[in-house]
């Protein structure tokens, strides 16, 4: 397998159809002080948790898992998790920015929203939001249906090199998201012009899985945790994972082990609207910090194969600025944006 310049994006970076968490807003302030298991802060009430894409997506699983961990740990009650899909997460981003001063709203986000803000020419940006915390990192996986003729990554890449347009790849990200960046960087690493990649964007892992199993694409790129049930059931095979180490429970090499000089990881975090009060920011920051330290969240990390990548507000703000610049540079290098 031919290699090219090392294309490395280490972001210092899901299909479970869960029922919507019941609504339960409250007229109380987001939190007060007193009892509860949050170390002196009473359980947060009236919190709304936005997912800027469809049910069953990676953001959706992360948000619903976090909300359950908070409630099971006694840190919050009746969290409303709701979906506002569209334009790679930037529809939800715009709504979050429009709710300036709302200390009862948080938005699940990650690397995909960073990229989508460029490729969708979003008026709202993550720099307009209030960073609360970075939560996790996880690897992407190179996926094929069980009936695929490609038994190894080398076989897939050879066919891809011979006819980039004839080997379509799908992902649950709009242009600029992790599922979009990963195959373009992989193409660059094996000597394929990224501009010739035939990428098909789907709105989350559910649509990607349907297309993959239906033979509409040759392979897919997604987090393994989104399709873990299908992988375990043998419907989908993993040819490689994109991180530095193999993923426990998945019999697949890393890209480097398979001969492709690339490492790539995805990440996810939480932001709030702009101009929230210092008191509300402190409540939200403490809520996520307490969740991060809870046994419930530690168990969730292990069950989903997520890597703990927690950063509190100030450090997350610095990280977001760095990622904003990093993604813009990668998109320009790949010829995918003029930003």
C-alpha atoms as a PDB file:
ATOM      1  CA  UNK A   1       0.000   0.000   0.000  1.00  0.00           C
ATOM      2  CA  UNK A   2       1.385   3.377  -1.002  1.00  0.00           C
ATOM      3  CA  UNK A   3       1.909   6.026   1.672  1.00  0.00           C
ATOM      4  CA  UNK A   4       2.165   9.774   1.375  1.00  0.00           C
ATOM      5  CA  UNK A   5       2.857  12.671   3.692  1.00  0.00           C
ATOM      6  CA  UNK A   6       1.696  11.957   7.221  1.00  0.00           C
ATOM      7  CA  UNK A   7      -1.725  13.518   7.596  1.00  0.00           C
ATOM      8  CA  UNK A   8      -2.364  13.714  11.287  1.00  0.00           C
ATOM      9  CA  UNK A   9      -5.262  15.375  13.036  1.00  0.00           C
ATOM     10  CA  UNK A  10      -5.239  14.615  16.735  1.00  0.00           C
ATOM     11  CA  UNK A  11      -7.974  16.694  18.290  1.00  0.00           C
ATOM     12  CA  UNK A  12      -6.390  17.385  21.863  1.00  0.00           C
ATOM     13  CA  UNK A  13     -11.117  13.380  19.194  1.00  0.00           C
ATOM     14  CA  UNK A  14     -23.109   6.102  17.924  1.00  0.00           C
ATOM     15  CA  UNK A  15     -26.494   3.727  16.662  1.00  0.00           C
ATOM     16  CA  UNK A  16     -28.815   3.533  19.638  1.00  0.00           C
ATOM     17  CA  UNK A  17     -32.340   4.829  19.160  1.00  0.00           C
ATOM     18  CA  UNK A  18     -33.130   5.945  22.644  1.00  0.00           C
ATOM     19  CA  UNK A  19     -36.471   7.410  23.618  1.00  0.00           C
ATOM     20  CA  UNK A  20     -36.548  11.107  24.335  1.00  0.00           C
ATOM     21  CA  UNK A  21     -35.932  12.047  27.943  1.00  0.00           C
ATOM     22  CA  UNK A  22     -39.141  13.351  29.444  1.00  0.00           C
ATOM     23  CA  UNK A  23     -39.637  17.108  29.502  1.00  0.00           C
ATOM     24  CA  UNK A  24     -39.718  18.782  32.880  1.00  0.00           C
ATOM     25  CA  UNK A  25     -38.796  22.451  32.939  1.00  0.00           C
ATOM     26  CA  UNK A  26     -39.073  24.387  36.156  1.00  0.00           C
ATOM     27  CA  UNK A  27     -39.549  27.996  37.143  1.00  0.00           C
ATOM     28  CA  UNK A  28     -36.753  27.674  39.676  1.00  0.00           C
ATOM     29  CA  UNK A  29     -33.256  29.001  39.050  1.00  0.00           C
ATOM     30  CA  UNK A  30     -30.998  26.355  37.477  1.00  0.00           C
ATOM     31  CA  UNK A  31     -29.658  25.457  40.900  1.00  0.00           C
ATOM     32  CA  UNK A  32     -29.218  26.699  44.372  1.00  0.00           C
ATOM     33  CA  UNK A  33     -27.096  25.548  47.263  1.00  0.00           C
ATOM     34  CA  UNK A  34     -27.847  22.829  49.700  1.00  0.00           C
ATOM     35  CA  UNK A  35     -28.158  19.056  49.592  1.00  0.00           C
ATOM     36  CA  UNK A  36     -27.694  16.648  46.735  1.00  0.00           C
ATOM     37  CA  UNK A  37     -24.705  14.560  45.762  1.00  0.00           C
ATOM     38  CA  UNK A  38     -22.962  17.398  43.906  1.00  0.00           C
ATOM     39  CA  UNK A  39     -20.834  18.442  46.839  1.00  0.00           C
ATOM     40  CA  UNK A  40     -23.125  21.167  48.227  1.00  0.00           C
ATOM     41  CA  UNK A  41     -25.026  22.183  45.080  1.00  0.00           C
ATOM     42  CA  UNK A  42     -28.629  21.027  45.050  1.00  0.00           C
ATOM     43  CA  UNK A  43     -29.856  19.050  42.068  1.00  0.00           C
ATOM     44  CA  UNK A  44     -30.157  21.170  38.939  1.00  0.00           C
ATOM     45  CA  UNK A  45     -33.690  21.503  37.588  1.00  0.00           C
ATOM     46  CA  UNK A  46     -35.151  22.904  34.385  1.00  0.00           C
ATOM     47  CA  UNK A  47     -32.114  22.091  32.222  1.00  0.00           C
ATOM     48  CA  UNK A  48     -32.629  21.669  28.473  1.00  0.00           C
ATOM     49  CA  UNK A  49     -29.964  19.760  26.547  1.00  0.00           C
ATOM     50  CA  UNK A  50     -29.894  20.364  22.789  1.00  0.00           C
ATOM     51  CA  UNK A  51     -28.601  17.797  20.297  1.00  0.00           C
ATOM     52  CA  UNK A  52     -27.848  19.568  16.981  1.00  0.00           C
ATOM     53  CA  UNK A  53     -28.541  16.521  14.811  1.00  0.00           C
ATOM     54  CA  UNK A  54     -30.796  13.485  14.590  1.00  0.00           C
ATOM     55  CA  UNK A  55     -31.727  10.813  17.157  1.00  0.00           C
ATOM     56  CA  UNK A  56     -29.288   7.909  17.045  1.00  0.00           C
ATOM     57  CA  UNK A  57     -26.303  10.085  16.151  1.00  0.00           C
ATOM     58  CA  UNK A  58     -23.067  10.289  18.101  1.00  0.00           C
ATOM     59  CA  UNK A  59     -24.063  13.617  19.616  1.00  0.00           C
ATOM     60  CA  UNK A  60     -27.443  12.151  20.546  1.00  0.00           C
ATOM     61  CA  UNK A  61     -25.943   9.135  22.301  1.00  0.00           C
ATOM     62  CA  UNK A  62     -23.430  11.310  24.135  1.00  0.00           C
ATOM     63  CA  UNK A  63     -26.066  13.784  25.333  1.00  0.00           C
ATOM     64  CA  UNK A  64     -28.532  11.120  26.463  1.00  0.00           C
ATOM     65  CA  UNK A  65     -25.779   9.170  28.201  1.00  0.00           C
ATOM     66  CA  UNK A  66     -24.576  12.317  29.992  1.00  0.00           C
ATOM     67  CA  UNK A  67     -28.112  13.308  30.988  1.00  0.00           C
ATOM     68  CA  UNK A  68     -28.755   9.834  32.423  1.00  0.00           C
ATOM     69  CA  UNK A  69     -25.452   9.917  34.320  1.00  0.00           C
ATOM     70  CA  UNK A  70     -26.341  13.306  35.838  1.00  0.00           C
ATOM     71  CA  UNK A  71     -29.783  12.119  36.906  1.00  0.00           C
ATOM     72  CA  UNK A  72     -28.600   8.730  38.200  1.00  0.00           C
ATOM     73  CA  UNK A  73     -25.920  10.497  40.246  1.00  0.00           C
ATOM     74  CA  UNK A  74     -28.531  12.817  41.774  1.00  0.00           C
ATOM     75  CA  UNK A  75     -26.965  15.907  40.203  1.00  0.00           C
ATOM     76  CA  UNK A  76     -29.969  16.927  38.103  1.00  0.00           C
ATOM     77  CA  UNK A  77     -33.625  16.046  37.642  1.00  0.00           C
ATOM     78  CA  UNK A  78     -35.915  15.964  34.598  1.00  0.00           C
ATOM     79  CA  UNK A  79     -33.344  17.000  31.998  1.00  0.00           C
ATOM     80  CA  UNK A  80     -35.049  17.582  28.643  1.00  0.00           C
ATOM     81  CA  UNK A  81     -32.940  16.243  25.775  1.00  0.00           C
ATOM     82  CA  UNK A  82     -34.186  17.432  22.375  1.00  0.00           C
ATOM     83  CA  UNK A  83     -32.980  17.410  18.775  1.00  0.00           C
ATOM     84  CA  UNK A  84     -32.538  20.374  16.424  1.00  0.00           C
ATOM     85  CA  UNK A  85     -30.943  18.812  13.309  1.00  0.00           C
ATOM     86  CA  UNK A  86     -29.702  20.553  10.201  1.00  0.00           C
ATOM     87  CA  UNK A  87     -26.652  21.815   8.335  1.00  0.00           C
ATOM     88  CA  UNK A  88     -24.120  19.714  10.205  1.00  0.00           C
ATOM     89  CA  UNK A  89     -25.134  21.094  13.587  1.00  0.00           C
ATOM     90  CA  UNK A  90     -25.102  24.766  12.640  1.00  0.00           C
ATOM     91  CA  UNK A  91     -28.900  25.104  12.813  1.00  0.00           C
ATOM     92  CA  UNK A  92     -28.673  24.122  16.470  1.00  0.00           C
ATOM     93  CA  UNK A  93     -25.629  26.331  16.899  1.00  0.00           C
ATOM     94  CA  UNK A  94     -27.535  29.344  15.563  1.00  0.00           C
ATOM     95  CA  UNK A  95     -30.430  28.635  17.920  1.00  0.00           C
ATOM     96  CA  UNK A  96     -28.035  28.352  20.856  1.00  0.00           C
ATOM     97  CA  UNK A  97     -26.455  31.698  19.986  1.00  0.00           C
ATOM     98  CA  UNK A  98     -29.918  33.244  19.580  1.00  0.00           C
ATOM     99  CA  UNK A  99     -30.799  32.194  23.139  1.00  0.00           C
ATOM    100  CA  UNK A 100     -28.281  34.638  24.572  1.00  0.00           C
ATOM    101  CA  UNK A 101     -28.394  34.782  28.364  1.00  0.00           C
ATOM    102  CA  UNK A 102     -30.308  31.492  28.767  1.00  0.00           C
ATOM    103  CA  UNK A 103     -28.537  29.684  31.582  1.00  0.00           C
ATOM    104  CA  UNK A 104     -30.889  26.691  31.398  1.00  0.00           C
ATOM    105  CA  UNK A 105     -29.730  25.546  27.960  1.00  0.00           C
ATOM    106  CA  UNK A 106     -26.658  23.533  26.943  1.00  0.00           C
ATOM    107  CA  UNK A 107     -25.732  22.129  23.532  1.00  0.00           C
ATOM    108  CA  UNK A 108     -23.902  18.917  22.730  1.00  0.00           C
ATOM    109  CA  UNK A 109     -21.229  19.577  20.098  1.00  0.00           C
ATOM    110  CA  UNK A 110     -17.842  18.507  18.857  1.00  0.00           C
ATOM    111  CA  UNK A 111     -15.379  18.502  16.004  1.00  0.00           C
ATOM    112  CA  UNK A 112     -18.193  18.246  13.455  1.00  0.00           C
ATOM    113  CA  UNK A 113     -19.716  21.581  14.415  1.00  0.00           C
ATOM    114  CA  UNK A 114     -16.308  23.242  14.152  1.00  0.00           C
ATOM    115  CA  UNK A 115     -15.930  22.074  10.562  1.00  0.00           C
ATOM    116  CA  UNK A 116     -19.569  22.638   9.595  1.00  0.00           C
ATOM    117  CA  UNK A 117     -19.384  26.268  10.663  1.00  0.00           C
ATOM    118  CA  UNK A 118     -16.862  26.725   7.838  1.00  0.00           C
ATOM    119  CA  UNK A 119     -18.351  24.526   5.138  1.00  0.00           C
ATOM    120  CA  UNK A 120     -21.877  25.863   5.746  1.00  0.00           C
ATOM    121  CA  UNK A 121     -20.705  29.490   6.036  1.00  0.00           C
ATOM    122  CA  UNK A 122     -22.500  29.708   9.366  1.00  0.00           C
ATOM    123  CA  UNK A 123     -23.170  33.169  10.680  1.00  0.00           C
ATOM    124  CA  UNK A 124     -23.083  31.787  14.220  1.00  0.00           C
ATOM    125  CA  UNK A 125     -19.772  30.340  15.406  1.00  0.00           C
ATOM    126  CA  UNK A 126     -18.597  28.457  18.462  1.00  0.00           C
ATOM    127  CA  UNK A 127     -16.657  31.567  19.436  1.00  0.00           C
ATOM    128  CA  UNK A 128     -20.067  33.140  20.111  1.00  0.00           C
ATOM    129  CA  UNK A 129     -20.971  30.485  22.705  1.00  0.00           C
ATOM    130  CA  UNK A 130     -19.977  29.921  26.334  1.00  0.00           C
ATOM    131  CA  UNK A 131     -17.648  26.879  26.581  1.00  0.00           C
ATOM    132  CA  UNK A 132     -18.584  24.563  29.456  1.00  0.00           C
ATOM    133  CA  UNK A 133     -16.518  21.376  29.072  1.00  0.00           C
ATOM    134  CA  UNK A 134     -14.806  18.999  26.707  1.00  0.00           C
ATOM    135  CA  UNK A 135     -15.963  15.471  27.509  1.00  0.00           C
ATOM    136  CA  UNK A 136     -14.590  12.669  25.354  1.00  0.00           C
ATOM    137  CA  UNK A 137     -12.473  11.571  22.439  1.00  0.00           C
ATOM    138  CA  UNK A 138     -13.039   8.523  20.246  1.00  0.00           C
ATOM    139  CA  UNK A 139     -11.688   6.921  17.129  1.00  0.00           C
ATOM    140  CA  UNK A 140     -13.274   6.619  13.717  1.00  0.00           C
ATOM    141  CA  UNK A 141     -13.631   3.237  12.021  1.00  0.00           C
ATOM    142  CA  UNK A 142     -13.402   2.174   8.374  1.00  0.00           C
ATOM    143  CA  UNK A 143     -16.585   0.156   7.874  1.00  0.00           C
ATOM    144  CA  UNK A 144     -17.870  -2.202   5.169  1.00  0.00           C
ATOM    145  CA  UNK A 145     -20.991  -4.383   5.050  1.00  0.00           C
ATOM    146  CA  UNK A 146     -20.570  -8.079   5.779  1.00  0.00           C
ATOM    147  CA  UNK A 147     -20.992  -8.938   2.097  1.00  0.00           C
ATOM    148  CA  UNK A 148     -18.312  -6.499   0.936  1.00  0.00           C
ATOM    149  CA  UNK A 149     -15.622  -7.940  -1.363  1.00  0.00           C
ATOM    150  CA  UNK A 150     -13.015  -6.006   0.617  1.00  0.00           C
ATOM    151  CA  UNK A 151     -11.642  -8.250   3.347  1.00  0.00           C
ATOM    152  CA  UNK A 152      -8.719  -5.991   4.268  1.00  0.00           C
ATOM    153  CA  UNK A 153      -7.973  -2.282   4.219  1.00  0.00           C
ATOM    154  CA  UNK A 154      -5.280  -2.905   1.610  1.00  0.00           C
ATOM    155  CA  UNK A 155      -7.836  -4.397  -0.792  1.00  0.00           C
ATOM    156  CA  UNK A 156     -10.141  -1.428  -0.286  1.00  0.00           C
ATOM    157  CA  UNK A 157      -7.393   1.118  -0.803  1.00  0.00           C
ATOM    158  CA  UNK A 158      -6.142  -0.556  -3.983  1.00  0.00           C
ATOM    159  CA  UNK A 159      -9.634  -0.318  -5.490  1.00  0.00           C
ATOM    160  CA  UNK A 160      -9.984   3.252  -4.238  1.00  0.00           C
ATOM    161  CA  UNK A 161      -6.671   4.299  -5.756  1.00  0.00           C
ATOM    162  CA  UNK A 162      -7.649   2.783  -9.101  1.00  0.00           C
ATOM    163  CA  UNK A 163     -11.017   4.567  -9.240  1.00  0.00           C
ATOM    164  CA  UNK A 164     -11.697   7.178  -6.514  1.00  0.00           C
ATOM    165  CA  UNK A 165     -15.047   8.208  -7.980  1.00  0.00           C
ATOM    166  CA  UNK A 166     -16.165   4.594  -8.332  1.00  0.00           C
ATOM    167  CA  UNK A 167     -15.571   3.785  -4.657  1.00  0.00           C
ATOM    168  CA  UNK A 168     -17.963   6.091  -2.799  1.00  0.00           C
ATOM    169  CA  UNK A 169     -17.508   6.615   0.935  1.00  0.00           C
ATOM    170  CA  UNK A 170     -20.242   7.715   3.299  1.00  0.00           C
ATOM    171  CA  UNK A 171     -20.243   9.344   6.691  1.00  0.00           C
ATOM    172  CA  UNK A 172     -22.678  10.675   9.255  1.00  0.00           C
ATOM    173  CA  UNK A 173     -21.121  14.137   9.082  1.00  0.00           C
ATOM    174  CA  UNK A 174     -21.708  17.040   6.753  1.00  0.00           C
ATOM    175  CA  UNK A 175     -18.598  18.465   5.044  1.00  0.00           C
ATOM    176  CA  UNK A 176     -16.089  19.557   7.666  1.00  0.00           C
ATOM    177  CA  UNK A 177     -17.177  16.976  10.226  1.00  0.00           C
ATOM    178  CA  UNK A 178     -15.078  14.045  11.476  1.00  0.00           C
ATOM    179  CA  UNK A 179     -16.647  11.441   9.178  1.00  0.00           C
ATOM    180  CA  UNK A 180     -15.880  13.782   6.269  1.00  0.00           C
ATOM    181  CA  UNK A 181     -12.370  14.798   7.302  1.00  0.00           C
ATOM    182  CA  UNK A 182     -11.209  11.240   8.085  1.00  0.00           C
ATOM    183  CA  UNK A 183     -11.635   9.735   4.576  1.00  0.00           C
ATOM    184  CA  UNK A 184     -10.200  12.832   2.908  1.00  0.00           C
ATOM    185  CA  UNK A 185      -7.129  12.663   5.129  1.00  0.00           C
ATOM    186  CA  UNK A 186      -6.897   8.914   4.523  1.00  0.00           C
ATOM    187  CA  UNK A 187      -7.073   9.552   0.779  1.00  0.00           C
ATOM    188  CA  UNK A 188      -4.238  12.048   1.029  1.00  0.00           C
ATOM    189  CA  UNK A 189      -2.193   9.534   3.043  1.00  0.00           C
ATOM    190  CA  UNK A 190      -2.494   6.861   0.318  1.00  0.00           C
ATOM    191  CA  UNK A 191      -1.788   9.186  -2.599  1.00  0.00           C
ATOM    192  CA  UNK A 192      -5.348   9.982  -3.715  1.00  0.00           C
ATOM    193  CA  UNK A 193      -6.181  13.613  -4.489  1.00  0.00           C
ATOM    194  CA  UNK A 194      -8.686  14.554  -1.739  1.00  0.00           C
ATOM    195  CA  UNK A 195     -10.653  16.595  -4.273  1.00  0.00           C
ATOM    196  CA  UNK A 196     -11.507  13.362  -6.130  1.00  0.00           C
ATOM    197  CA  UNK A 197     -13.040  11.606  -3.107  1.00  0.00           C
ATOM    198  CA  UNK A 198     -16.680  10.693  -3.725  1.00  0.00           C
ATOM    199  CA  UNK A 199     -18.061  11.496  -0.267  1.00  0.00           C
ATOM    200  CA  UNK A 200     -21.752  11.032   0.491  1.00  0.00           C
ATOM    201  CA  UNK A 201     -23.001  12.876   3.582  1.00  0.00           C
ATOM    202  CA  UNK A 202     -25.714  11.404   5.805  1.00  0.00           C
ATOM    203  CA  UNK A 203     -27.460  12.963   8.771  1.00  0.00           C
ATOM    204  CA  UNK A 204     -26.108  10.682  11.469  1.00  0.00           C
ATOM    205  CA  UNK A 205     -25.255   7.022  11.849  1.00  0.00           C
ATOM    206  CA  UNK A 206     -28.774   5.705  11.162  1.00  0.00           C
ATOM    207  CA  UNK A 207     -28.869   6.969   7.591  1.00  0.00           C
ATOM    208  CA  UNK A 208     -25.254   5.890   7.068  1.00  0.00           C
ATOM    209  CA  UNK A 209     -26.010   2.331   8.195  1.00  0.00           C
ATOM    210  CA  UNK A 210     -29.017   2.038   5.853  1.00  0.00           C
ATOM    211  CA  UNK A 211     -26.934   3.162   2.895  1.00  0.00           C
ATOM    212  CA  UNK A 212     -23.995   0.937   3.840  1.00  0.00           C
ATOM    213  CA  UNK A 213     -26.132  -2.186   4.188  1.00  0.00           C
ATOM    214  CA  UNK A 214     -28.005  -1.272   1.005  1.00  0.00           C
ATOM    215  CA  UNK A 215     -24.815  -1.181  -1.050  1.00  0.00           C
ATOM    216  CA  UNK A 216     -25.184   2.481  -1.976  1.00  0.00           C
ATOM    217  CA  UNK A 217     -21.643   3.195  -0.789  1.00  0.00           C
ATOM    218  CA  UNK A 218     -18.503   1.051  -0.838  1.00  0.00           C
ATOM    219  CA  UNK A 219     -17.429   1.904   2.695  1.00  0.00           C
ATOM    220  CA  UNK A 220     -18.260   4.206   5.567  1.00  0.00           C
ATOM    221  CA  UNK A 221     -16.428   6.238   8.183  1.00  0.00           C
ATOM    222  CA  UNK A 222     -17.995   6.598  11.617  1.00  0.00           C
ATOM    223  CA  UNK A 223     -17.303   6.080  15.282  1.00  0.00           C
ATOM    224  CA  UNK A 224     -17.432   2.389  16.083  1.00  0.00           C
ATOM    225  CA  UNK A 225     -19.652   3.077  19.099  1.00  0.00           C
ATOM    226  CA  UNK A 226     -22.468   4.292  16.819  1.00  0.00           C
ATOM    227  CA  UNK A 227     -22.659   0.922  15.067  1.00  0.00           C
ATOM    228  CA  UNK A 228     -21.473  -1.387  17.840  1.00  0.00           C
ATOM    229  CA  UNK A 229     -24.624  -3.546  17.740  1.00  0.00           C
ATOM    230  CA  UNK A 230     -24.297  -4.090  14.000  1.00  0.00           C
ATOM    231  CA  UNK A 231     -20.576  -4.835  14.331  1.00  0.00           C
ATOM    232  CA  UNK A 232     -21.185  -7.381  17.075  1.00  0.00           C
ATOM    233  CA  UNK A 233     -24.011  -8.935  15.058  1.00  0.00           C
ATOM    234  CA  UNK A 234     -21.727  -9.364  12.054  1.00  0.00           C
ATOM    235  CA  UNK A 235     -23.720  -7.071   9.748  1.00  0.00           C
ATOM    236  CA  UNK A 236     -20.815  -4.638   9.502  1.00  0.00           C
ATOM    237  CA  UNK A 237     -17.077  -5.306   9.468  1.00  0.00           C
ATOM    238  CA  UNK A 238     -14.344  -2.936  10.656  1.00  0.00           C
ATOM    239  CA  UNK A 239     -11.293  -2.886   8.383  1.00  0.00           C
ATOM    240  CA  UNK A 240      -9.312  -0.440  10.546  1.00  0.00           C
ATOM    241  CA  UNK A 241      -9.595   2.120  13.327  1.00  0.00           C
ATOM    242  CA  UNK A 242      -8.044   5.557  13.082  1.00  0.00           C
ATOM    243  CA  UNK A 243      -6.388   6.123  16.450  1.00  0.00           C
ATOM    244  CA  UNK A 244      -2.996   5.274  17.882  1.00  0.00           C
ATOM    245  CA  UNK A 245      -4.139   1.994  19.466  1.00  0.00           C
ATOM    246  CA  UNK A 246      -6.594  -0.784  18.697  1.00  0.00           C
ATOM    247  CA  UNK A 247     -10.103  -0.556  20.157  1.00  0.00           C
ATOM    248  CA  UNK A 248     -10.943  -3.171  22.759  1.00  0.00           C
ATOM    249  CA  UNK A 249     -13.538  -5.645  21.519  1.00  0.00           C
ATOM    250  CA  UNK A 250     -12.996  -4.837  17.836  1.00  0.00           C
ATOM    251  CA  UNK A 251     -10.822  -7.175  15.793  1.00  0.00           C
ATOM    252  CA  UNK A 252      -9.291  -4.560  13.517  1.00  0.00           C
ATOM    253  CA  UNK A 253      -5.841  -2.975  13.103  1.00  0.00           C
ATOM    254  CA  UNK A 254      -5.044   0.698  13.362  1.00  0.00           C
ATOM    255  CA  UNK A 255      -4.498   2.570  10.108  1.00  0.00           C
ATOM    256  CA  UNK A 256      -0.754   2.614  10.772  1.00  0.00           C
ATOM    257  CA  UNK A 257      -0.695  -1.138  11.378  1.00  0.00           C
ATOM    258  CA  UNK A 258      -2.497  -1.542   8.061  1.00  0.00           C
ATOM    259  CA  UNK A 259       0.070   0.612   6.254  1.00  0.00           C
ATOM    260  CA  UNK A 260      -1.565   4.038   6.208  1.00  0.00           C
ATOM    261  CA  UNK A 261       0.428   6.763   7.973  1.00  0.00           C
ATOM    262  CA  UNK A 262      -2.463   8.559   9.660  1.00  0.00           C
ATOM    263  CA  UNK A 263      -3.926   9.043  13.116  1.00  0.00           C
ATOM    264  CA  UNK A 264      -7.265  10.761  13.614  1.00  0.00           C
ATOM    265  CA  UNK A 265      -9.565  11.182  16.608  1.00  0.00           C
ATOM    266  CA  UNK A 266     -12.944  12.815  17.119  1.00  0.00           C
ATOM    267  CA  UNK A 267     -14.030  14.705  20.246  1.00  0.00           C
ATOM    268  CA  UNK A 268     -17.218  16.005  21.876  1.00  0.00           C
ATOM    269  CA  UNK A 269     -18.038  18.691  24.411  1.00  0.00           C
ATOM    270  CA  UNK A 270     -20.710  21.029  25.749  1.00  0.00           C
ATOM    271  CA  UNK A 271     -21.358  24.742  25.212  1.00  0.00           C
ATOM    272  CA  UNK A 272     -24.030  27.145  26.481  1.00  0.00           C
ATOM    273  CA  UNK A 273     -25.499  30.305  24.951  1.00  0.00           C
ATOM    274  CA  UNK A 274     -23.520  33.558  25.045  1.00  0.00           C
ATOM    275  CA  UNK A 275     -23.884  36.144  27.801  1.00  0.00           C
ATOM    276  CA  UNK A 276     -25.108  33.796  30.524  1.00  0.00           C
ATOM    277  CA  UNK A 277     -24.541  35.044  34.063  1.00  0.00           C
ATOM    278  CA  UNK A 278     -21.429  34.112  35.995  1.00  0.00           C
ATOM    279  CA  UNK A 279     -23.668  32.307  38.493  1.00  0.00           C
ATOM    280  CA  UNK A 280     -25.293  30.200  35.765  1.00  0.00           C
ATOM    281  CA  UNK A 281     -21.920  29.408  34.219  1.00  0.00           C
ATOM    282  CA  UNK A 282     -20.609  28.245  37.584  1.00  0.00           C
ATOM    283  CA  UNK A 283     -23.679  26.042  38.100  1.00  0.00           C
ATOM    284  CA  UNK A 284     -23.285  24.415  34.683  1.00  0.00           C
ATOM    285  CA  UNK A 285     -19.528  23.996  35.069  1.00  0.00           C
ATOM    286  CA  UNK A 286     -19.940  22.360  38.479  1.00  0.00           C
ATOM    287  CA  UNK A 287     -22.717  20.111  37.204  1.00  0.00           C
ATOM    288  CA  UNK A 288     -20.540  18.742  34.379  1.00  0.00           C
ATOM    289  CA  UNK A 289     -17.475  18.531  36.626  1.00  0.00           C
ATOM    290  CA  UNK A 290     -19.439  16.539  39.217  1.00  0.00           C
ATOM    291  CA  UNK A 291     -20.821  14.284  36.482  1.00  0.00           C
ATOM    292  CA  UNK A 292     -17.311  13.723  35.138  1.00  0.00           C
ATOM    293  CA  UNK A 293     -16.177  12.575  38.580  1.00  0.00           C
ATOM    294  CA  UNK A 294     -19.194  10.313  39.157  1.00  0.00           C
ATOM    295  CA  UNK A 295     -19.092   6.491  39.011  1.00  0.00           C
ATOM    296  CA  UNK A 296     -22.046   6.661  36.625  1.00  0.00           C
ATOM    297  CA  UNK A 297     -20.045   8.583  34.029  1.00  0.00           C
ATOM    298  CA  UNK A 298     -16.959   6.425  34.462  1.00  0.00           C
ATOM    299  CA  UNK A 299     -19.100   3.376  33.762  1.00  0.00           C
ATOM    300  CA  UNK A 300     -20.578   5.072  30.686  1.00  0.00           C
ATOM    301  CA  UNK A 301     -17.101   5.800  29.330  1.00  0.00           C
ATOM    302  CA  UNK A 302     -16.142   2.154  29.638  1.00  0.00           C
ATOM    303  CA  UNK A 303     -19.384   0.823  28.157  1.00  0.00           C
ATOM    304  CA  UNK A 304     -19.166   3.093  25.107  1.00  0.00           C
ATOM    305  CA  UNK A 305     -15.424   2.803  24.540  1.00  0.00           C
ATOM    306  CA  UNK A 306     -14.950   6.545  24.965  1.00  0.00           C
ATOM    307  CA  UNK A 307     -11.671   8.115  26.068  1.00  0.00           C
ATOM    308  CA  UNK A 308     -11.957  10.584  28.936  1.00  0.00           C
ATOM    309  CA  UNK A 309     -10.789  13.950  27.558  1.00  0.00           C
ATOM    310  CA  UNK A 310     -12.311  16.287  30.134  1.00  0.00           C
ATOM    311  CA  UNK A 311     -11.437  19.982  30.093  1.00  0.00           C
ATOM    312  CA  UNK A 312     -13.153  22.636  32.306  1.00  0.00           C
ATOM    313  CA  UNK A 313     -14.450  25.926  30.846  1.00  0.00           C
ATOM    314  CA  UNK A 314     -11.297  28.042  30.554  1.00  0.00           C
ATOM    315  CA  UNK A 315      -9.157  25.213  29.177  1.00  0.00           C
ATOM    316  CA  UNK A 316     -11.956  24.166  26.836  1.00  0.00           C
ATOM    317  CA  UNK A 317     -12.213  27.730  25.512  1.00  0.00           C
ATOM    318  CA  UNK A 318      -8.510  27.681  24.648  1.00  0.00           C
ATOM    319  CA  UNK A 319      -8.882  24.251  23.052  1.00  0.00           C
ATOM    320  CA  UNK A 320     -11.844  25.440  20.951  1.00  0.00           C
ATOM    321  CA  UNK A 321      -9.842  28.345  19.590  1.00  0.00           C
ATOM    322  CA  UNK A 322      -6.979  26.018  18.687  1.00  0.00           C
ATOM    323  CA  UNK A 323      -9.362  23.557  17.019  1.00  0.00           C
ATOM    324  CA  UNK A 324     -11.030  26.341  15.068  1.00  0.00           C
ATOM    325  CA  UNK A 325      -7.677  27.326  13.575  1.00  0.00           C
ATOM    326  CA  UNK A 326      -6.585  23.701  13.073  1.00  0.00           C
ATOM    327  CA  UNK A 327      -9.718  22.652  11.194  1.00  0.00           C
ATOM    328  CA  UNK A 328      -9.642  25.754   8.991  1.00  0.00           C
ATOM    329  CA  UNK A 329      -6.057  24.941   8.027  1.00  0.00           C
ATOM    330  CA  UNK A 330      -6.892  21.285   7.279  1.00  0.00           C
ATOM    331  CA  UNK A 331      -9.899  22.228   5.133  1.00  0.00           C
ATOM    332  CA  UNK A 332      -7.769  24.700   3.184  1.00  0.00           C
ATOM    333  CA  UNK A 333      -4.979  22.158   2.746  1.00  0.00           C
ATOM    334  CA  UNK A 334      -7.414  19.603   1.385  1.00  0.00           C
ATOM    335  CA  UNK A 335      -8.967  22.168  -0.919  1.00  0.00           C
ATOM    336  CA  UNK A 336     -12.359  21.804   0.743  1.00  0.00           C
ATOM    337  CA  UNK A 337     -12.876  25.435   1.738  1.00  0.00           C
ATOM    338  CA  UNK A 338     -11.484  28.883   1.083  1.00  0.00           C
ATOM    339  CA  UNK A 339     -11.978  29.896   4.732  1.00  0.00           C
END
